[in-house]
Amino acid sequence: MTISKLIQNIKVISISDLSESRDISDITNNSREVTSGSMFVAVKGFTVDGHQFIGSAVSNGASVIVLERNDEYPDEFFTNNNVVKIVVENSRKAFADLSCEFYEHPSRQLKLVGITGSNGKTTTAFYVKNLFETAGYKTGLLGTISNIVGDFIEDSQLTTPESNTINKFLRQMVNAGITHCAMEVSSHSLVLDRVRGLDFDYGVFTNITSDHLDFHSDFENYLDAKKIFFDNLKPEAVVIYNSDDKSYEKLLSDNTSTKYSFGKNIDADYLINDISYNMDGTSFKLKSSDEEFQFNTKLIGEFNAYNAASVAIIGVNEKYPNNLIIKGIDSTPQVPGRFEVICKDDKKVVVDYSHTADSLEKALGAIREIVNNTRPIYTVFGCGGNRDKTKRPIMGEIADRLSDEIYVTSDNPRSEDPFEIINEILTGIKRNNSKVIEDREEAIKQAICNSEDNAVILIAGKGHEEYQLINGVKHHFSDKEIAIKYLEAYK
C-alpha cells in the first residue's frame, strides 16, 4: 500500500518531501519486527518510549517513520537515510488508524462480537464461537487463551493484541472465508487504543469488579477504561449487558446502540432463573416477554449461566431458531482452565483461572454450593507479582472464609519476592487453617496427597497458563498437568 493511500484518512501534522507513492510492506511499533519497506510507528508507552528506537528501526530497513516528538531526530537524519518522516499529534492513535487502513478495515467485513468485563470474557467468547459455528458460520477468536484463525491456533501473549496484530488476524480471517469473530476486549487495550477503529457489531458486558489497579490506579479509572468501549460503538451495534451489575448505568450512559439486559432481577429484558449446577454442568432457564429457553450447559457454576445467557441473546437477535440457540450453548466444550474438573475416584480437583477476588469468591462459592458441607474444600493459590497488591489480603480472607484448608503458594511472582507476596496474602487469613509452601508443584502435591478421599481441591489463579514467570524467566508449568500427575499417583 502506498503512503498516500495509507494516510488519506489520518490527521498528519507534517510529512517530509520524499515520495508519498512508495509502497509500505508492513506496519509495526516494534523496531525488532522492522524489515525492508516497513512503516515504524514510534509509540510513547507507559514504561518505554518508542521514539528511542527510531534509529534501530531505520537500521533495520524502515521506509517510513511515524512519530509525535518532532525534535527527536533532525530532518537530515531521515533525508540522508531515504526515510519518509510523518509527524502526528498522537502516535498511539495514529498506529491504530494506520493499522486499520493498512489491512483495509477487515472488521467491517466480519460480524465482530466484542466482550468486555472483569470476569467471564474468555468463556463468553467460547460460547459465541460455538453458537456461530453451530449456525454454520466459520468463526475466528481473539482472546486470553488463544487466537484462532481457521485451523491456525496461536497461544496468546495478550488478552487483546496490539492494533496491527488485531487487524492482521482479522484480515487473515476474511481471506480464509471466516465471516464471524469473537474477541475479548481488555481494559488495557481500551486505554492504549488497541481496538480503536474496529467495527463491532455486538458489545457484551459481563461484569466489573476491582482489578488491574496496578495499571488503572483506582476503580473509577478502571470503570472509565471499560466505558471507552461502549462510548465508541456505532449506533447500529447491539449491546448486551448484565443488569445485575449496576456499573452498567455508568458504562452505558453515553451509548446510543440498541440494548438488551440479562440477569436475575425482574427488570431484565432476559430473566435468568432456576439455576442449578453440579460437577457435570449447569442448567438454567432464560425468559423474555417472547421467548423461553431451557439450557443444560457442560460448563459449571452460576457465573456460566450469566455467560451463556448473554450469548443466547445474540442468537435471538440473529433470528436463529430456538433449538439451534439451545444446541449452540449446550454443546460448548469445556474452556481450558475455566472451572475445569479433574477426577480420581471420589477426589476432585478444580483448575480455575480465578486470579481476582471476585472470581475466587465465585469459584469457591460454586464449590460450596455443590458439596453442601458434605466434602472438605482445599484451596491452593497465590497472587501475581508486579500486579495489583490491594487484592492480596482480600483473596486471603475469601480463601479463609470459604475453604477448610489453604495452601498459599506462588503464582507468577515475576520480579517480586514470592514470600513478600505470600505474607501480604496471609494478612487476610485469620484462622489457623493455612500452610505456606512457596513451591507451587509441592503445594499442589500436598493438597492432593494429604487431603481426604472425598476432598475437592481448587487450584486457583493460573487456569490455562502453562508457565510461571520468575525473575523475568518463563518456566513451563501447568496446574492441570501437575494435578493429573499427583491424582494418578494418589492411593
Protein backbone atom coordinates (compact mmCIF):
# COMPACT_ATOMS: atom_id res chain seq x y z
CA MET A 1 0.00 0.00 0.00
CA THR A 2 1.29 3.46 -0.86
CA ILE A 3 1.95 6.10 1.78
CA SER A 4 -0.53 8.50 0.18
CA LYS A 5 -3.34 5.92 0.38
CA LEU A 6 -2.37 4.86 3.87
CA ILE A 7 -2.52 8.37 5.34
CA GLN A 8 -5.57 9.61 3.41
CA ASN A 9 -7.80 9.44 6.50
CA ILE A 10 -5.10 10.16 9.09
CA LYS A 11 -4.59 13.56 10.71
CA VAL A 12 -1.00 14.41 9.71
CA ILE A 13 0.82 17.45 11.08
CA SER A 14 3.65 17.26 8.57
CA ILE A 15 5.27 14.89 6.10
CA SER A 16 8.70 15.12 4.51
CA ASP A 17 9.08 15.86 0.82
CA LEU A 18 10.10 12.31 -0.09
CA SER A 19 7.74 10.44 -2.41
CA GLU A 20 4.33 9.56 -0.97
CA SER A 21 3.87 6.97 -3.71
CA ARG A 22 6.33 4.47 -2.27
CA ASP A 23 4.85 1.20 -1.09
CA ILE A 24 4.77 0.07 2.50
CA SER A 25 5.37 -3.63 3.16
CA ASP A 26 4.33 -3.79 6.81
CA ILE A 27 3.40 -1.69 9.83
CA THR A 28 4.72 -2.15 13.37
CA ASN A 29 5.53 -0.34 16.60
CA ASN A 30 8.30 -2.81 17.44
CA SER A 31 11.67 -1.93 15.92
CA ARG A 32 12.75 -5.59 16.14
CA GLU A 33 9.97 -6.52 13.72
CA VAL A 34 11.02 -3.95 11.14
CA THR A 35 12.15 -5.26 7.75
CA SER A 36 12.89 -3.53 4.46
CA GLY A 37 9.99 -1.28 3.50
CA SER A 38 8.26 -1.28 6.89
CA MET A 39 6.44 1.64 8.46
CA PHE A 40 7.60 2.06 12.06
CA VAL A 41 5.29 3.97 14.40
CA ALA A 42 7.09 5.37 17.43
CA VAL A 43 4.55 4.96 20.22
CA LYS A 44 5.13 6.63 23.55
CA GLY A 45 4.39 3.95 26.13
CA PHE A 46 4.00 3.97 29.89
CA THR A 47 7.39 2.42 30.56
CA VAL A 48 9.18 2.56 27.19
CA ASP A 49 9.11 5.32 24.59
CA GLY A 50 9.24 4.01 21.02
CA HIS A 51 10.95 7.20 19.88
CA GLN A 52 14.22 5.94 21.34
CA PHE A 53 14.15 3.02 18.87
CA ILE A 54 13.79 5.10 15.70
CA GLY A 55 17.49 4.65 14.92
CA SER A 56 17.18 0.86 15.21
CA ALA A 57 14.09 0.87 13.01
CA VAL A 58 15.92 2.84 10.31
CA SER A 59 18.92 0.48 10.55
CA ASN A 60 16.57 -2.48 10.11
CA GLY A 61 15.19 -1.05 6.87
CA ALA A 62 12.21 1.11 7.81
CA SER A 63 10.95 3.13 4.87
CA VAL A 64 8.66 5.38 6.90
CA ILE A 65 8.80 6.64 10.48
CA VAL A 66 5.68 7.99 12.16
CA LEU A 67 6.35 9.98 15.32
CA GLU A 68 4.89 12.65 17.56
CA ARG A 69 8.10 14.04 19.09
CA ASN A 70 9.36 16.07 16.16
CA ASP A 71 12.61 17.09 17.83
CA GLU A 72 13.84 13.54 18.47
CA TYR A 73 15.96 13.41 15.26
CA PRO A 74 16.89 16.21 12.83
CA ASP A 75 15.23 16.20 9.41
CA GLU A 76 18.61 15.49 7.82
CA PHE A 77 18.72 12.10 9.53
CA PHE A 78 15.59 10.98 7.66
CA THR A 79 16.60 12.59 4.37
CA ASN A 80 20.08 11.04 4.43
CA ASN A 81 18.60 7.61 5.10
CA ASN A 82 15.90 7.99 2.42
CA VAL A 83 13.18 7.62 5.05
CA VAL A 84 9.84 9.40 4.99
CA LYS A 85 9.12 11.26 8.22
CA ILE A 86 5.48 11.71 9.24
CA VAL A 87 4.61 13.77 12.29
CA VAL A 88 1.26 13.18 14.01
CA GLU A 89 -0.39 14.56 17.11
CA ASN A 90 -0.77 11.19 18.84
CA SER A 91 1.25 8.27 17.50
CA ARG A 92 -0.66 5.66 19.51
CA LYS A 93 -3.98 6.67 17.98
CA ALA A 94 -2.32 7.01 14.59
CA PHE A 95 -0.93 3.48 14.93
CA ALA A 96 -4.43 2.09 15.34
CA ASP A 97 -5.83 4.16 12.48
CA LEU A 98 -2.94 3.26 10.19
CA SER A 99 -3.26 -0.43 11.08
CA CYS A 100 -6.97 -0.44 10.16
CA GLU A 101 -6.15 1.32 6.89
CA PHE A 102 -3.16 -0.88 6.02
CA TYR A 103 -5.21 -4.07 6.38
CA GLU A 104 -8.19 -2.42 4.62
CA HIS A 105 -10.56 -2.41 7.59
CA PRO A 106 -11.23 -6.16 7.88
CA SER A 107 -13.51 -5.67 10.90
CA ARG A 108 -16.07 -4.14 8.53
CA GLN A 109 -16.19 -7.45 6.63
CA LEU A 110 -16.87 -9.60 9.70
CA LYS A 111 -19.64 -9.91 12.23
CA LEU A 112 -17.49 -8.88 15.19
CA VAL A 113 -18.52 -9.51 18.80
CA GLY A 114 -16.53 -7.65 21.46
CA ILE A 115 -16.71 -8.90 25.05
CA THR A 116 -15.50 -6.85 28.00
CA GLY A 117 -15.72 -7.13 31.78
CA SER A 118 -13.58 -8.28 34.69
CA ASN A 119 -14.54 -11.95 34.57
CA GLY A 120 -16.15 -14.26 32.05
CA LYS A 121 -14.71 -12.78 28.85
CA THR A 122 -12.94 -15.96 27.76
CA THR A 123 -15.83 -18.33 28.46
CA THR A 124 -18.29 -15.97 26.78
CA ALA A 125 -16.05 -15.80 23.71
CA PHE A 126 -16.00 -19.60 23.51
CA TYR A 127 -19.80 -19.66 23.79
CA VAL A 128 -20.03 -17.10 20.96
CA LYS A 129 -17.71 -19.10 18.75
CA ASN A 130 -19.65 -22.31 19.30
CA LEU A 131 -23.02 -20.61 18.70
CA PHE A 132 -21.91 -19.16 15.36
CA GLU A 133 -20.32 -22.44 14.29
CA THR A 134 -23.49 -24.31 15.24
CA ALA A 135 -25.32 -21.89 12.94
CA GLY A 136 -22.94 -22.89 10.14
CA TYR A 137 -20.57 -19.91 10.10
CA LYS A 138 -16.78 -20.10 10.03
CA THR A 139 -15.74 -18.22 13.17
CA GLY A 140 -12.45 -16.85 14.47
CA LEU A 141 -11.48 -15.95 18.02
CA LEU A 142 -9.07 -13.49 19.62
CA GLY A 143 -8.63 -13.84 23.36
CA THR A 144 -6.74 -14.67 26.51
CA ILE A 145 -6.09 -18.34 25.78
CA SER A 146 -5.52 -18.35 22.05
CA ASN A 147 -6.02 -16.62 18.72
CA ILE A 148 -7.85 -18.90 16.31
CA VAL A 149 -7.97 -18.34 12.55
CA GLY A 150 -9.42 -21.43 10.90
CA ASP A 151 -7.06 -24.32 11.59
CA PHE A 152 -4.35 -21.94 12.80
CA ILE A 153 -4.21 -21.67 16.59
CA GLU A 154 -1.64 -19.48 18.37
CA ASP A 155 -1.19 -19.16 22.12
CA SER A 156 -1.98 -15.62 23.18
CA GLN A 157 0.52 -13.26 24.72
CA LEU A 158 -2.07 -10.57 25.47
CA THR A 159 -5.82 -10.76 26.03
CA THR A 160 -6.17 -8.12 23.32
CA PRO A 161 -3.17 -7.78 20.98
CA GLU A 162 -1.69 -4.58 19.54
CA SER A 163 -3.78 -2.90 16.84
CA ASN A 164 -1.59 -4.06 13.94
CA THR A 165 -1.77 -7.66 15.16
CA ILE A 166 -5.54 -7.50 15.61
CA ASN A 167 -6.06 -6.17 12.11
CA LYS A 168 -3.61 -8.68 10.67
CA PHE A 169 -5.53 -11.56 12.26
CA LEU A 170 -8.87 -10.13 11.13
CA ARG A 171 -7.57 -9.77 7.56
CA GLN A 172 -6.38 -13.38 7.65
CA MET A 173 -9.85 -14.40 8.80
CA VAL A 174 -11.54 -12.57 5.94
CA ASN A 175 -9.11 -14.03 3.41
CA ALA A 176 -9.78 -17.52 4.79
CA GLY A 177 -13.54 -17.15 4.32
CA ILE A 178 -14.27 -16.60 8.02
CA THR A 179 -17.34 -14.42 8.45
CA HIS A 180 -17.73 -14.14 12.25
CA CYS A 181 -15.33 -13.41 15.12
CA ALA A 182 -15.48 -13.36 18.92
CA MET A 183 -12.99 -11.03 20.58
CA GLU A 184 -12.10 -10.30 24.19
CA VAL A 185 -11.57 -6.59 24.88
CA SER A 186 -9.39 -5.79 27.88
CA SER A 187 -9.28 -2.54 29.82
CA HIS A 188 -5.60 -2.15 28.92
CA SER A 189 -6.41 -2.35 25.22
CA LEU A 190 -9.04 0.36 25.56
CA VAL A 191 -6.75 2.82 27.34
CA LEU A 192 -3.97 2.01 24.86
CA ASP A 193 -6.21 2.47 21.79
CA ARG A 194 -5.62 -1.06 20.51
CA VAL A 195 -9.22 -1.53 19.40
CA ARG A 196 -9.63 2.00 18.05
CA GLY A 197 -11.28 1.99 14.65
CA LEU A 198 -12.68 -1.54 14.84
CA ASP A 199 -16.24 -2.06 13.66
CA PHE A 200 -18.02 -4.06 16.36
CA ASP A 201 -21.50 -5.42 15.68
CA TYR A 202 -22.05 -6.55 19.28
CA GLY A 203 -20.71 -5.32 22.60
CA VAL A 204 -21.13 -7.63 25.61
CA PHE A 205 -20.66 -6.52 29.22
CA THR A 206 -20.17 -9.44 31.63
CA ASN A 207 -19.46 -7.74 35.00
CA ILE A 208 -16.93 -5.47 36.63
CA THR A 209 -15.06 -5.80 39.92
CA SER A 210 -11.86 -4.28 41.24
CA ASP A 211 -8.97 -5.45 39.04
CA HIS A 212 -5.79 -4.20 37.36
CA LEU A 213 -5.43 -1.35 39.85
CA ASP A 214 -1.67 -1.51 39.35
CA PHE A 215 -2.40 -0.09 35.89
CA HIS A 216 -5.56 1.97 36.43
CA SER A 217 -4.75 3.31 39.95
CA ASP A 218 -8.33 3.13 41.20
CA PHE A 219 -11.70 1.59 40.41
CA GLU A 220 -13.10 4.75 38.81
CA ASN A 221 -10.28 4.83 36.28
CA TYR A 222 -10.86 1.14 35.61
CA LEU A 223 -14.55 1.81 35.03
CA ASP A 224 -13.71 4.74 32.75
CA ALA A 225 -11.45 2.45 30.73
CA LYS A 226 -14.26 -0.05 30.16
CA LYS A 227 -16.62 2.79 29.25
CA ILE A 228 -14.41 3.68 26.28
CA PHE A 229 -15.58 0.51 24.55
CA PHE A 230 -19.28 1.35 24.76
CA ASP A 231 -18.77 5.05 24.03
CA ASN A 232 -17.21 4.15 20.68
CA LEU A 233 -19.66 1.53 19.45
CA LYS A 234 -21.58 2.50 16.32
CA PRO A 235 -25.30 3.31 16.78
CA GLU A 236 -26.18 0.22 14.71
CA ALA A 237 -24.37 -2.08 17.15
CA VAL A 238 -26.21 -4.16 19.75
CA VAL A 239 -25.20 -4.02 23.42
CA ILE A 240 -25.94 -6.97 25.70
CA TYR A 241 -25.31 -6.26 29.36
CA ASN A 242 -25.53 -7.75 32.83
CA SER A 243 -28.11 -5.58 34.61
CA ASP A 244 -27.38 -7.26 37.96
CA ASP A 245 -24.11 -5.32 37.91
CA LYS A 246 -25.16 -1.72 38.47
CA SER A 247 -21.95 -0.38 36.95
CA TYR A 248 -23.74 -0.76 33.62
CA GLU A 249 -25.50 2.54 34.33
CA LYS A 250 -22.27 4.49 34.03
CA LEU A 251 -20.74 2.27 31.34
CA LEU A 252 -23.71 2.73 29.00
CA SER A 253 -24.64 6.30 29.94
CA ASP A 254 -23.42 7.71 26.62
CA ASN A 255 -24.06 4.69 24.39
CA THR A 256 -26.65 5.09 21.63
CA SER A 257 -26.85 1.47 20.47
CA THR A 258 -29.78 -0.93 20.86
CA LYS A 259 -29.51 -2.59 24.27
CA TYR A 260 -30.70 -5.84 25.84
CA SER A 261 -30.18 -6.72 29.51
CA PHE A 262 -29.92 -10.06 31.24
CA GLY A 263 -29.86 -11.05 34.89
CA LYS A 264 -31.85 -12.37 37.83
CA ASN A 265 -33.54 -9.06 38.58
CA ILE A 266 -37.12 -8.88 37.33
CA ASP A 267 -36.46 -5.76 35.26
CA ALA A 268 -34.01 -7.57 32.97
CA ASP A 269 -35.07 -7.99 29.35
CA TYR A 270 -33.96 -11.61 29.65
CA LEU A 271 -34.57 -13.15 33.07
CA ILE A 272 -32.25 -15.89 34.33
CA ASN A 273 -33.84 -18.28 36.82
CA ASP A 274 -33.96 -21.86 38.07
CA ILE A 275 -30.17 -22.10 38.08
CA SER A 276 -28.77 -25.39 39.34
CA TYR A 277 -25.36 -26.95 38.89
CA ASN A 278 -23.14 -29.82 39.93
CA MET A 279 -19.78 -31.20 38.86
CA ASP A 280 -21.27 -32.21 35.49
CA GLY A 281 -22.66 -28.88 34.35
CA THR A 282 -25.27 -26.16 34.80
CA SER A 283 -28.95 -25.91 33.96
CA PHE A 284 -30.99 -22.71 33.89
CA LYS A 285 -33.93 -21.02 32.24
CA LEU A 286 -33.80 -17.81 30.25
CA LYS A 287 -37.06 -15.97 29.66
CA SER A 288 -38.11 -12.80 27.88
CA SER A 289 -41.54 -11.47 27.00
CA ASP A 290 -41.40 -13.51 23.79
CA GLU A 291 -39.02 -16.41 24.42
CA GLU A 292 -38.26 -19.08 26.99
CA PHE A 293 -35.25 -21.40 26.90
CA GLN A 294 -34.07 -24.31 28.99
CA PHE A 295 -30.28 -24.71 28.86
CA ASN A 296 -28.08 -27.52 30.11
CA THR A 297 -24.51 -26.40 29.58
CA LYS A 298 -21.45 -28.53 30.36
CA LEU A 299 -19.78 -25.51 31.98
CA ILE A 300 -20.18 -25.29 35.73
CA GLY A 301 -21.42 -22.52 38.01
CA GLU A 302 -23.96 -19.71 38.24
CA PHE A 303 -21.48 -17.38 36.53
CA ASN A 304 -21.63 -19.62 33.46
CA ALA A 305 -25.40 -19.24 33.34
CA TYR A 306 -24.74 -15.49 33.01
CA ASN A 307 -22.06 -16.00 30.36
CA ALA A 308 -24.31 -18.33 28.36
CA ALA A 309 -27.34 -16.05 28.69
CA SER A 310 -25.54 -13.12 27.06
CA VAL A 311 -24.68 -15.29 24.06
CA ALA A 312 -28.17 -16.74 23.75
CA ILE A 313 -29.42 -13.16 23.30
CA ILE A 314 -27.06 -12.77 20.36
CA GLY A 315 -28.69 -15.85 18.84
CA VAL A 316 -32.15 -14.37 19.33
CA ASN A 317 -31.06 -11.09 17.78
CA GLU A 318 -29.61 -13.00 14.82
CA LYS A 319 -33.01 -14.71 14.48
CA TYR A 320 -31.60 -18.20 14.93
CA PRO A 321 -34.16 -20.92 15.68
CA ASN A 322 -34.56 -21.64 19.39
CA ASN A 323 -33.36 -25.22 19.04
CA LEU A 324 -30.18 -24.00 17.34
CA ILE A 325 -29.51 -21.50 20.14
CA ILE A 326 -30.01 -24.23 22.75
CA LYS A 327 -27.68 -26.57 20.86
CA GLY A 328 -25.06 -23.83 20.45
CA ILE A 329 -24.99 -23.20 24.20
CA ASP A 330 -25.36 -26.77 25.43
CA SER A 331 -22.66 -28.18 23.12
CA THR A 332 -19.99 -25.59 24.00
CA PRO A 333 -16.98 -27.63 25.15
CA GLN A 334 -15.02 -27.17 28.36
CA VAL A 335 -12.93 -24.00 28.24
CA PRO A 336 -9.33 -24.76 29.27
CA GLY A 337 -8.63 -23.71 32.85
CA ARG A 338 -12.10 -22.33 33.49
CA PHE A 339 -13.58 -24.38 36.36
CA GLU A 340 -12.09 -27.47 34.75
CA VAL A 341 -12.78 -30.59 36.82
CA ILE A 342 -10.31 -33.49 37.04
CA CYS A 343 -11.27 -36.61 38.99
CA LYS A 344 -9.64 -39.62 40.61
CA ASP A 345 -12.26 -41.88 42.18
CA ASP A 346 -14.15 -39.59 44.56
CA LYS A 347 -11.44 -36.93 44.82
CA LYS A 348 -11.93 -33.93 42.57
CA VAL A 349 -9.59 -31.14 41.51
CA VAL A 350 -10.91 -27.90 40.01
CA VAL A 351 -8.41 -25.91 37.92
CA ASP A 352 -9.61 -22.34 37.54
CA TYR A 353 -8.20 -19.04 36.31
CA SER A 354 -9.71 -17.18 39.28
CA HIS A 355 -6.98 -14.62 39.89
CA THR A 356 -9.17 -11.79 41.20
CA ALA A 357 -11.01 -11.53 44.50
CA ASP A 358 -14.40 -11.72 42.81
CA SER A 359 -13.57 -14.72 40.64
CA LEU A 360 -12.00 -16.60 43.58
CA GLU A 361 -15.10 -15.96 45.67
CA LYS A 362 -17.37 -17.15 42.88
CA ALA A 363 -15.31 -20.30 42.25
CA LEU A 364 -15.24 -21.24 45.93
CA GLY A 365 -18.89 -20.28 46.32
CA ALA A 366 -19.79 -22.61 43.46
CA ILE A 367 -17.86 -25.46 45.06
CA ARG A 368 -19.51 -24.89 48.43
CA GLU A 369 -22.91 -24.85 46.77
CA ILE A 370 -22.17 -28.16 45.05
CA VAL A 371 -20.71 -30.03 48.03
CA ASN A 372 -23.23 -28.57 50.53
CA ASN A 373 -20.92 -29.21 53.51
CA THR A 374 -20.53 -32.90 52.61
CA ARG A 375 -16.92 -32.64 51.42
CA PRO A 376 -13.82 -30.80 52.64
CA ILE A 377 -12.60 -27.97 50.41
CA TYR A 378 -8.91 -27.24 49.90
CA THR A 379 -7.66 -24.15 48.10
CA VAL A 380 -4.22 -23.76 46.51
CA PHE A 381 -3.50 -20.23 45.32
CA GLY A 382 -1.12 -17.29 45.22
CA CYS A 383 -1.13 -13.83 43.64
CA GLY A 384 0.83 -12.47 40.70
CA GLY A 385 3.83 -10.26 41.28
CA ASN A 386 4.09 -6.69 39.97
CA ARG A 387 0.31 -6.50 39.82
CA ASP A 388 -2.49 -5.10 41.97
CA LYS A 389 -1.38 -5.56 45.59
CA THR A 390 -4.66 -4.48 47.15
CA LYS A 391 -6.38 -7.75 46.25
CA ARG A 392 -3.89 -9.99 48.09
CA PRO A 393 -5.28 -9.77 51.66
CA ILE A 394 -8.82 -9.73 50.24
CA MET A 395 -8.19 -13.00 48.44
CA GLY A 396 -6.65 -14.39 51.63
CA GLU A 397 -9.83 -13.52 53.53
CA ILE A 398 -12.02 -15.13 50.86
CA ALA A 399 -9.99 -18.34 50.86
CA ASP A 400 -10.06 -18.37 54.67
CA ARG A 401 -13.82 -17.93 54.80
CA LEU A 402 -14.76 -20.43 52.10
CA SER A 403 -12.09 -23.16 52.42
CA ASP A 404 -11.42 -25.80 55.03
CA GLU A 405 -7.69 -25.81 54.33
CA ILE A 406 -5.49 -23.38 52.39
CA TYR A 407 -2.13 -23.81 50.70
CA VAL A 408 -0.67 -20.38 49.99
CA THR A 409 1.93 -20.60 47.24
CA SER A 410 3.45 -18.75 44.28
CA ASP A 411 1.55 -17.74 41.18
CA ASN A 412 3.67 -15.72 38.74
CA PRO A 413 5.94 -13.80 41.14
CA ARG A 414 7.66 -12.03 38.25
CA SER A 415 10.32 -9.78 39.79
CA GLU A 416 8.80 -9.64 43.30
CA ASP A 417 9.97 -11.70 46.25
CA PRO A 418 7.45 -14.59 46.40
CA PHE A 419 7.42 -14.56 50.19
CA GLU A 420 6.53 -10.86 50.30
CA ILE A 421 3.50 -11.64 48.14
CA ILE A 422 2.61 -14.59 50.36
CA ASN A 423 2.93 -12.50 53.53
CA GLU A 424 0.51 -9.93 52.11
CA ILE A 425 -1.98 -12.71 51.39
CA LEU A 426 -1.58 -14.07 54.92
CA THR A 427 -2.70 -10.78 56.47
CA GLY A 428 -6.21 -11.64 55.29
CA ILE A 429 -6.20 -15.15 56.78
CA LYS A 430 -7.32 -15.19 60.42
CA ARG A 431 -7.95 -18.87 61.13
CA ASN A 432 -5.23 -21.44 61.71
CA ASN A 433 -6.04 -23.32 58.53
CA SER A 434 -3.27 -22.38 56.12
CA LYS A 435 0.11 -23.76 55.08
CA VAL A 436 2.76 -21.81 53.23
CA ILE A 437 4.53 -23.80 50.51
CA GLU A 438 6.17 -21.42 48.07
CA ASP A 439 6.95 -24.14 45.51
CA ARG A 440 3.69 -24.40 43.55
CA GLU A 441 4.14 -28.03 42.46
CA GLU A 442 4.84 -29.11 46.04
CA ALA A 443 1.78 -27.18 47.27
CA ILE A 444 -0.44 -28.93 44.72
CA LYS A 445 1.12 -32.29 45.56
CA GLN A 446 0.49 -31.92 49.28
CA ALA A 447 -3.06 -30.64 48.81
CA ILE A 448 -3.90 -33.68 46.68
CA CYS A 449 -1.96 -36.32 48.57
CA ASN A 450 -2.71 -35.14 52.13
CA SER A 451 -6.43 -34.43 51.70
CA GLU A 452 -9.34 -36.75 52.35
CA ASP A 453 -10.51 -39.24 49.72
CA ASN A 454 -13.63 -37.17 49.04
CA ALA A 455 -11.95 -33.75 49.06
CA VAL A 456 -12.45 -31.06 46.44
CA ILE A 457 -9.26 -29.13 45.72
CA LEU A 458 -9.41 -25.76 43.98
CA ILE A 459 -6.17 -24.79 42.25
CA ALA A 460 -6.74 -21.13 41.51
CA GLY A 461 -5.03 -18.35 39.63
CA LYS A 462 -3.35 -19.76 36.55
CA GLY A 463 -6.02 -21.81 34.79
CA HIS A 464 -4.95 -22.45 31.20
CA GLU A 465 -1.47 -20.97 31.62
CA GLU A 466 1.42 -23.34 31.01
CA TYR A 467 4.19 -21.29 32.55
CA GLN A 468 5.43 -19.49 35.63
CA LEU A 469 7.16 -16.12 35.36
CA ILE A 470 10.02 -15.90 37.85
CA ASN A 471 12.58 -13.08 37.69
CA GLY A 472 11.92 -12.48 34.01
CA VAL A 473 12.26 -16.16 33.05
CA LYS A 474 9.31 -18.17 31.77
CA HIS A 475 9.32 -21.73 33.11
CA HIS A 476 6.99 -24.44 31.86
CA PHE A 477 4.29 -25.07 34.44
CA SER A 478 0.74 -26.36 34.09
CA ASP A 479 -1.62 -26.66 37.05
CA LYS A 480 -3.61 -29.24 35.10
CA GLU A 481 -0.56 -31.37 34.29
CA ILE A 482 0.61 -31.27 37.90
CA ALA A 483 -2.87 -32.12 39.19
CA ILE A 484 -3.16 -35.13 36.88
CA LYS A 485 0.33 -36.27 37.85
CA TYR A 486 -0.45 -36.42 41.57
CA LEU A 487 -4.02 -37.62 41.18
CA GLU A 488 -2.73 -40.59 39.23
CA ALA A 489 -0.13 -41.28 41.93
CA TYR A 490 -2.67 -40.85 44.74
CA LYS A 491 -3.63 -44.06 46.55
